[in-house]
Amino acid sequence: MNAGDTYQLFDDPIRYYNAMIDDIDQAKDYIYIETYRVGNDTVGVRFRDALKRKAKQGVEVKLLIDAWGGSGVANHFFDSLILAGGEVRFFEKIKYNTDILTRGHRRNHRKIMVIDDDVTYIGSSNLTGYNLNWRESVLRIRGSLSLPFKKIFKQDWSIYNKYVFVKANYLRLLRHGQFDIVRDMPSITKQRIMVRYLQMIRKAKESVVIVTPYFLPGYRLRRELTEAVKRGLDVRVIIPRRSDVGLVDILRNKYLGPMHEAGVKFLLYKPHNLHAKLMLLDNSIFSVGSSNFDYRSFRYMYEIALIGHDESIAAQVLRHIEETILESELFDYEHWKNRPLINRFFEWLLLPFRHLL
């Protein structure tokens, strides 16, 4: 950790929404927000109005929203913010007559906020009211690490409506002290976050813990996790008992049984949806970001992950995991073996679409 830098990992949306609004209210120079979705609800209105107040004060306000994720926001929702001097862009607007089946599913899933070269948020949460009772993972960073995130935002802002550009310019690894910022763009071959996760799992010595709302790993990830078990590592995957995407819950069952047989331990979070996206290896190496542990995130989405070995962040990630486990139940293998035939049929039926769920 650089001298003066501080880090706080949130799991409760109400707490980090309040912290974000407080930081927005303190902004003096600029506020940059990049997100998949802004809700047409009380949370979305609260953020819009806070940004509008700052824009009226002369603060530079830029808001980048994915066009698909932001489709639920009425066209006039941001009129008052724009009139106050704020700028709003929708990332890769969908052309239904030409590319709905080609590029339409390639979405910007990154979630970051940067304020005044001083404060950054990165994590799992959109700016909406529907997830107020979900368990999330949002890291607030205070200090010099904001500078590379500012650069990333400006790059994404500049390509928001470009379908052709040199991807290599926007995928370079950004290293800042003991931190790496890894980015993905839609690619069948690159999948940089997945490749980094493979390397991390391969190098782990004692334990691997994955927290994800959607668990649809490809063959290479499944193999690396089971190989880690063979090396004697404690490998655990924490998922919601019931996520907000029922089709994913059905399909993931195809993977849980065989991986359980190979020694991977699954825990199912019970209270409500677990939307956090975390990795922790050997209780020291962490990943915090926007990417789910599934085909779609790794292949088709613009994602971002902060990876490093800072003791303060690792300790908070470990605490997040331990608290999540307290409200989770172990995967019931016998129940899985005896699941109804109709469930098996739908697993088979959905399998060809696993890359798009």
Protein backbone atom coordinates (compact mmCIF):
# COMPACT_ATOMS: atom_id res chain seq x y z
CA MET A 1 0.00 0.00 0.00
CA ASN A 2 1.26 3.46 -0.88
CA ALA A 3 1.60 5.83 2.05
CA GLY A 4 -1.78 7.43 2.73
CA ASP A 5 -3.76 5.02 0.54
CA THR A 6 -6.80 3.40 2.15
CA TYR A 7 -9.16 0.63 1.06
CA GLN A 8 -12.64 -0.32 2.22
CA LEU A 9 -14.58 -3.32 0.92
CA PHE A 10 -18.37 -2.99 1.10
CA ASP A 11 -20.95 -5.77 0.87
CA ASP A 12 -24.14 -3.83 1.69
CA PRO A 13 -25.57 -1.66 -1.14
CA ILE A 14 -27.12 0.89 1.20
CA ARG A 15 -23.76 1.53 2.88
CA TYR A 16 -21.74 1.95 -0.29
CA TYR A 17 -24.45 3.97 -2.04
CA ASN A 18 -24.33 6.39 0.90
CA ALA A 19 -20.52 6.48 0.75
CA MET A 20 -20.61 7.13 -3.00
CA ILE A 21 -23.07 9.99 -2.63
CA ASP A 22 -20.91 11.51 0.14
CA ASP A 23 -17.86 11.34 -2.14
CA ILE A 24 -19.82 12.85 -5.03
CA ASP A 25 -20.91 15.71 -2.77
CA GLN A 26 -17.24 16.38 -1.91
CA ALA A 27 -16.06 16.42 -5.55
CA LYS A 28 -14.35 19.60 -6.73
CA ASP A 29 -12.90 18.76 -10.15
CA TYR A 30 -14.53 15.78 -11.87
CA ILE A 31 -16.76 12.72 -11.42
CA TYR A 32 -16.45 9.85 -13.91
CA ILE A 33 -18.87 6.90 -13.65
CA GLU A 34 -18.91 3.81 -15.84
CA THR A 35 -21.60 1.22 -15.16
CA TYR A 36 -23.69 -1.45 -16.78
CA ARG A 37 -27.01 -0.17 -15.46
CA VAL A 38 -28.62 2.85 -13.82
CA GLY A 39 -32.08 2.19 -12.46
CA ASN A 40 -35.17 4.22 -13.25
CA ASP A 41 -35.90 4.08 -9.53
CA THR A 42 -35.14 5.83 -6.25
CA VAL A 43 -31.44 4.89 -6.36
CA GLY A 44 -31.04 6.03 -9.97
CA VAL A 45 -32.85 9.29 -9.20
CA ARG A 46 -30.67 9.87 -6.14
CA PHE A 47 -27.46 9.50 -8.14
CA ARG A 48 -28.75 11.54 -11.06
CA ASP A 49 -29.76 14.40 -8.79
CA ALA A 50 -26.44 14.30 -6.89
CA LEU A 51 -24.55 14.48 -10.19
CA LYS A 52 -26.81 17.30 -11.37
CA ARG A 53 -25.99 19.34 -8.25
CA LYS A 54 -22.26 18.96 -8.88
CA ALA A 55 -22.59 19.77 -12.59
CA LYS A 56 -24.35 23.01 -11.68
CA GLN A 57 -21.37 23.84 -9.45
CA GLY A 58 -19.01 23.48 -12.42
CA VAL A 59 -17.70 20.00 -11.64
CA GLU A 60 -17.01 17.92 -14.75
CA VAL A 61 -19.54 15.05 -14.76
CA LYS A 62 -19.33 12.16 -17.23
CA LEU A 63 -21.61 9.11 -17.04
CA LEU A 64 -21.06 6.09 -19.32
CA ILE A 65 -23.81 3.45 -19.30
CA ASP A 66 -24.09 0.29 -21.35
CA ALA A 67 -26.84 0.70 -23.94
CA TRP A 68 -28.41 -2.69 -23.20
CA GLY A 69 -28.15 -2.41 -19.43
CA GLY A 70 -29.41 1.17 -19.57
CA SER A 71 -32.37 0.37 -21.81
CA GLY A 72 -34.74 0.52 -18.84
CA VAL A 73 -34.01 4.23 -18.30
CA ALA A 74 -36.48 6.54 -20.01
CA ASN A 75 -35.07 8.76 -22.77
CA HIS A 76 -35.73 11.90 -20.76
CA PHE A 77 -34.35 10.54 -17.46
CA PHE A 78 -31.03 12.38 -17.77
CA ASP A 79 -32.36 15.58 -19.39
CA SER A 80 -31.95 17.64 -16.22
CA LEU A 81 -28.39 16.37 -15.69
CA ILE A 82 -27.43 17.19 -19.28
CA LEU A 83 -29.09 20.61 -19.01
CA ALA A 84 -26.97 21.26 -15.89
CA GLY A 85 -23.79 20.55 -17.90
CA GLY A 86 -23.27 16.84 -17.29
CA GLU A 87 -22.47 14.44 -20.13
CA VAL A 88 -24.15 11.06 -20.60
CA ARG A 89 -23.17 8.43 -23.15
CA PHE A 90 -24.61 4.99 -23.88
CA PHE A 91 -22.00 2.38 -24.76
CA GLU A 92 -22.48 0.61 -28.12
CA LYS A 93 -26.10 1.31 -28.95
CA ILE A 94 -27.70 -1.79 -30.39
CA LYS A 95 -28.62 -1.87 -34.08
CA TYR A 96 -31.53 -4.28 -34.09
CA ASN A 97 -31.66 -4.57 -37.86
CA THR A 98 -27.98 -5.46 -38.37
CA ASP A 99 -26.13 -6.75 -35.34
CA ILE A 100 -28.52 -7.93 -32.63
CA LEU A 101 -27.22 -11.51 -33.07
CA THR A 102 -23.56 -10.59 -33.64
CA ARG A 103 -22.49 -7.63 -31.53
CA GLY A 104 -25.71 -7.00 -29.63
CA HIS A 105 -24.78 -9.39 -26.79
CA ARG A 106 -21.28 -7.90 -26.31
CA ARG A 107 -21.87 -5.52 -23.45
CA ASN A 108 -19.86 -3.17 -21.22
CA HIS A 109 -20.16 -4.79 -17.79
CA ARG A 110 -17.47 -2.69 -16.06
CA LYS A 111 -18.41 -0.80 -12.91
CA ILE A 112 -16.09 1.98 -11.76
CA MET A 113 -16.36 5.50 -10.37
CA VAL A 114 -13.42 7.91 -10.18
CA ILE A 115 -13.45 11.29 -8.40
CA ASP A 116 -10.78 14.01 -8.38
CA ASP A 117 -7.71 11.74 -8.82
CA ASP A 118 -8.43 10.68 -5.25
CA VAL A 119 -11.34 8.25 -4.83
CA THR A 120 -12.21 5.17 -6.90
CA TYR A 121 -14.89 2.52 -6.60
CA ILE A 122 -14.67 -0.82 -8.38
CA GLY A 123 -16.81 -3.89 -7.93
CA SER A 124 -19.93 -5.88 -8.65
CA SER A 125 -22.80 -3.44 -8.24
CA ASN A 126 -24.88 -1.34 -10.61
CA LEU A 127 -26.60 1.87 -9.53
CA THR A 128 -30.10 0.49 -9.04
CA GLY A 129 -32.64 -0.19 -6.35
CA TYR A 130 -33.43 -3.79 -7.24
CA ASN A 131 -30.28 -5.11 -5.53
CA LEU A 132 -30.67 -3.37 -2.18
CA ASN A 133 -30.92 -6.68 -0.29
CA TRP A 134 -28.20 -8.46 -2.30
CA ARG A 135 -24.72 -9.28 -1.05
CA GLU A 136 -22.23 -7.39 -3.23
CA SER A 137 -18.50 -6.61 -3.34
CA VAL A 138 -17.51 -2.98 -3.93
CA LEU A 139 -14.04 -1.67 -3.07
CA ARG A 140 -13.52 2.01 -2.23
CA ILE A 141 -9.95 3.14 -2.93
CA ARG A 142 -8.52 6.38 -1.59
CA GLY A 143 -5.22 7.47 -3.08
CA SER A 144 -2.94 7.26 -6.10
CA LEU A 145 -4.54 4.12 -7.56
CA SER A 146 -7.26 6.41 -8.92
CA LEU A 147 -4.95 7.61 -11.71
CA PRO A 148 -4.93 4.42 -13.83
CA PHE A 149 -8.69 4.10 -13.40
CA LYS A 150 -9.09 7.63 -14.68
CA LYS A 151 -7.11 6.62 -17.76
CA ILE A 152 -9.29 3.56 -18.28
CA PHE A 153 -12.48 5.58 -18.04
CA LYS A 154 -11.28 8.12 -20.59
CA GLN A 155 -10.35 5.34 -22.99
CA ASP A 156 -13.77 3.72 -22.65
CA TRP A 157 -15.45 7.09 -22.99
CA SER A 158 -13.65 7.68 -26.29
CA ILE A 159 -14.71 4.36 -27.88
CA TYR A 160 -18.30 4.28 -26.67
CA ASN A 161 -19.73 4.27 -30.21
CA LYS A 162 -16.85 2.81 -32.20
CA TYR A 163 -17.27 -0.66 -33.62
CA VAL A 164 -13.79 -0.77 -35.13
CA PHE A 165 -10.67 0.15 -33.15
CA VAL A 166 -7.29 -1.30 -32.17
CA LYS A 167 -8.22 -3.45 -29.19
CA ALA A 168 -4.61 -3.87 -28.08
CA ASN A 169 -4.56 -0.19 -27.13
CA TYR A 170 -7.39 -0.75 -24.66
CA LEU A 171 -6.31 -4.10 -23.21
CA ARG A 172 -2.82 -3.35 -21.94
CA LEU A 173 -2.13 -4.48 -18.42
CA LEU A 174 -1.91 -1.49 -16.07
CA ARG A 175 0.44 -2.08 -13.15
CA HIS A 176 0.46 0.20 -10.11
CA GLY A 177 2.69 -0.88 -7.25
CA GLN A 178 1.51 -4.28 -6.05
CA PHE A 179 -1.70 -4.03 -8.12
CA ASP A 180 -2.55 -5.16 -11.64
CA ILE A 181 -5.63 -3.89 -13.46
CA VAL A 182 -6.71 -6.52 -15.98
CA ARG A 183 -9.28 -5.73 -18.66
CA ASP A 184 -11.30 -7.86 -21.02
CA MET A 185 -12.99 -6.98 -24.28
CA PRO A 186 -15.13 -9.36 -26.34
CA SER A 187 -12.79 -12.03 -27.70
CA ILE A 188 -12.96 -15.78 -28.24
CA THR A 189 -9.17 -16.14 -28.09
CA LYS A 190 -7.81 -13.53 -25.64
CA GLN A 191 -10.01 -13.74 -22.51
CA ARG A 192 -7.36 -12.02 -20.42
CA ILE A 193 -9.12 -12.16 -17.07
CA MET A 194 -9.77 -15.88 -17.46
CA VAL A 195 -6.13 -16.50 -18.45
CA ARG A 196 -4.97 -14.55 -15.41
CA TYR A 197 -7.26 -16.58 -13.17
CA LEU A 198 -5.83 -19.80 -14.63
CA GLN A 199 -2.32 -18.58 -13.80
CA MET A 200 -3.34 -17.60 -10.27
CA ILE A 201 -4.98 -20.96 -9.56
CA ARG A 202 -1.97 -22.79 -10.98
CA LYS A 203 0.40 -20.90 -8.65
CA ALA A 204 -1.71 -21.22 -5.50
CA LYS A 205 -0.11 -23.21 -2.67
CA GLU A 206 -2.84 -23.72 -0.07
CA SER A 207 -6.31 -22.52 -1.02
CA VAL A 208 -8.54 -21.10 -3.76
CA VAL A 209 -11.87 -19.42 -2.97
CA ILE A 210 -14.20 -18.11 -5.67
CA VAL A 211 -17.31 -16.03 -4.95
CA THR A 212 -19.58 -15.54 -7.95
CA PRO A 213 -23.30 -15.22 -8.70
CA TYR A 214 -23.08 -17.26 -11.91
CA PHE A 215 -20.83 -20.31 -12.17
CA LEU A 216 -20.45 -21.66 -15.72
CA PRO A 217 -16.72 -22.30 -16.09
CA GLY A 218 -15.12 -23.56 -19.31
CA TYR A 219 -13.12 -26.76 -19.55
CA ARG A 220 -9.76 -25.11 -18.77
CA LEU A 221 -11.02 -23.56 -15.56
CA ARG A 222 -12.74 -26.75 -14.44
CA ARG A 223 -9.55 -28.68 -15.10
CA GLU A 224 -7.36 -26.19 -13.22
CA LEU A 225 -9.65 -26.22 -10.20
CA THR A 226 -9.71 -30.01 -10.04
CA GLU A 227 -5.94 -30.15 -10.56
CA ALA A 228 -5.56 -27.80 -7.59
CA VAL A 229 -7.55 -30.27 -5.48
CA LYS A 230 -5.21 -33.05 -6.59
CA ARG A 231 -2.27 -30.95 -5.39
CA GLY A 232 -3.86 -30.86 -1.94
CA LEU A 233 -5.38 -27.36 -2.06
CA ASP A 234 -8.63 -26.42 -0.36
CA VAL A 235 -10.81 -25.29 -3.30
CA ARG A 236 -14.17 -23.67 -2.51
CA VAL A 237 -16.76 -22.00 -4.71
CA ILE A 238 -19.49 -19.88 -3.11
CA ILE A 239 -22.61 -19.24 -5.19
CA PRO A 240 -26.18 -18.15 -4.40
CA ARG A 241 -28.65 -20.93 -3.70
CA ARG A 242 -30.94 -19.05 -6.07
CA SER A 243 -29.59 -16.24 -8.28
CA ASP A 244 -31.58 -13.70 -10.28
CA VAL A 245 -31.00 -15.69 -13.50
CA GLY A 246 -32.89 -18.96 -13.22
CA LEU A 247 -31.56 -20.43 -16.47
CA VAL A 248 -28.00 -20.16 -15.17
CA ASP A 249 -29.01 -21.92 -11.96
CA ILE A 250 -30.43 -24.80 -13.99
CA LEU A 251 -27.40 -25.14 -16.25
CA ARG A 252 -24.79 -24.81 -13.50
CA ASN A 253 -26.11 -28.04 -11.96
CA LYS A 254 -24.46 -29.91 -14.82
CA TYR A 255 -21.08 -28.81 -13.45
CA LEU A 256 -21.62 -29.02 -9.69
CA GLY A 257 -21.89 -32.79 -9.35
CA PRO A 258 -18.81 -33.81 -11.36
CA MET A 259 -16.69 -31.06 -9.78
CA HIS A 260 -17.87 -32.07 -6.32
CA GLU A 261 -16.84 -35.64 -7.13
CA ALA A 262 -13.39 -34.26 -8.02
CA GLY A 263 -13.10 -32.59 -4.60
CA VAL A 264 -14.22 -29.01 -5.24
CA LYS A 265 -16.37 -27.78 -2.34
CA PHE A 266 -19.50 -25.80 -3.17
CA LEU A 267 -21.36 -23.59 -0.71
CA LEU A 268 -24.76 -22.07 -1.49
CA TYR A 269 -25.59 -18.68 0.01
CA LYS A 270 -29.11 -18.82 1.45
CA PRO A 271 -30.59 -15.42 2.48
CA HIS A 272 -30.98 -13.81 -0.96
CA ASN A 273 -28.94 -13.21 -4.09
CA LEU A 274 -25.15 -13.30 -3.78
CA HIS A 275 -23.88 -10.91 -6.47
CA ALA A 276 -20.30 -10.48 -5.21
CA LYS A 277 -17.42 -11.26 -7.58
CA LEU A 278 -14.25 -12.16 -5.67
CA MET A 279 -11.28 -14.50 -5.69
CA LEU A 280 -8.85 -15.15 -2.87
CA LEU A 281 -5.82 -17.42 -3.09
CA ASP A 282 -3.73 -18.49 -0.11
CA ASN A 283 -5.55 -15.80 1.91
CA SER A 284 -3.24 -13.22 0.33
CA ILE A 285 -3.78 -12.81 -3.43
CA PHE A 286 -7.16 -11.28 -4.32
CA SER A 287 -9.28 -10.25 -7.27
CA VAL A 288 -12.09 -7.68 -7.02
CA GLY A 289 -14.02 -6.61 -10.09
CA SER A 290 -16.99 -6.94 -12.39
CA SER A 291 -16.43 -10.32 -14.05
CA ASN A 292 -18.60 -13.34 -13.35
CA PHE A 293 -17.10 -16.83 -13.42
CA ASP A 294 -18.84 -17.84 -16.64
CA TYR A 295 -18.44 -18.11 -20.38
CA ARG A 296 -20.31 -14.89 -21.13
CA SER A 297 -18.17 -12.61 -18.97
CA PHE A 298 -14.90 -14.09 -20.19
CA ARG A 299 -15.83 -14.18 -23.90
CA TYR A 300 -18.27 -11.40 -24.67
CA MET A 301 -18.17 -8.65 -22.06
CA TYR A 302 -16.06 -5.60 -21.34
CA GLU A 303 -14.90 -6.48 -17.83
CA ILE A 304 -12.33 -5.24 -15.33
CA ALA A 305 -10.53 -6.75 -12.33
CA LEU A 306 -8.17 -5.36 -9.72
CA ILE A 307 -5.69 -8.06 -8.73
CA GLY A 308 -3.02 -7.75 -6.06
CA HIS A 309 -1.61 -8.82 -2.72
CA ASP A 310 -2.26 -5.89 -0.39
CA GLU A 311 -2.69 -7.17 3.19
CA SER A 312 -5.51 -4.76 4.04
CA ILE A 313 -7.65 -5.72 1.04
CA ALA A 314 -6.90 -9.44 1.36
CA ALA A 315 -7.99 -9.36 5.00
CA GLN A 316 -11.25 -7.65 4.06
CA VAL A 317 -11.90 -10.13 1.24
CA LEU A 318 -11.27 -12.98 3.69
CA ARG A 319 -13.72 -11.45 6.17
CA HIS A 320 -16.31 -11.05 3.39
CA ILE A 321 -15.87 -14.74 2.52
CA GLU A 322 -16.06 -15.94 6.13
CA GLU A 323 -19.25 -13.96 6.75
CA THR A 324 -20.75 -15.30 3.52
CA ILE A 325 -19.96 -18.89 4.50
CA LEU A 326 -21.74 -18.43 7.84
CA GLU A 327 -24.98 -17.93 5.89
CA SER A 328 -24.36 -20.68 3.35
CA GLU A 329 -25.09 -24.39 3.16
CA LEU A 330 -22.98 -27.16 1.69
CA PHE A 331 -23.90 -28.54 -1.72
CA ASP A 332 -26.12 -31.59 -1.28
CA TYR A 333 -24.56 -34.19 -3.55
CA GLU A 334 -27.15 -36.89 -2.82
CA HIS A 335 -29.95 -34.48 -3.68
CA TRP A 336 -28.12 -33.60 -6.90
CA LYS A 337 -27.78 -37.26 -7.90
CA ASN A 338 -31.51 -37.77 -7.42
CA ARG A 339 -32.66 -34.58 -9.15
CA PRO A 340 -35.71 -35.02 -11.41
CA LEU A 341 -35.33 -36.15 -15.00
CA ILE A 342 -36.91 -32.90 -16.20
CA ASN A 343 -34.05 -30.97 -14.57
CA ARG A 344 -31.49 -33.10 -16.41
CA PHE A 345 -33.37 -32.54 -19.66
CA PHE A 346 -33.24 -28.76 -19.30
CA GLU A 347 -29.53 -28.91 -18.41
CA TRP A 348 -28.98 -30.74 -21.70
CA LEU A 349 -31.29 -28.36 -23.57
CA LEU A 350 -29.49 -25.25 -22.32
CA LEU A 351 -25.94 -26.53 -22.76
CA PRO A 352 -25.51 -25.26 -26.36
CA PHE A 353 -26.39 -21.75 -25.14
CA ARG A 354 -23.94 -21.73 -22.19
CA HIS A 355 -21.79 -19.02 -23.83
CA LEU A 356 -24.67 -16.54 -23.94
CA LEU A 357 -26.34 -17.03 -20.53
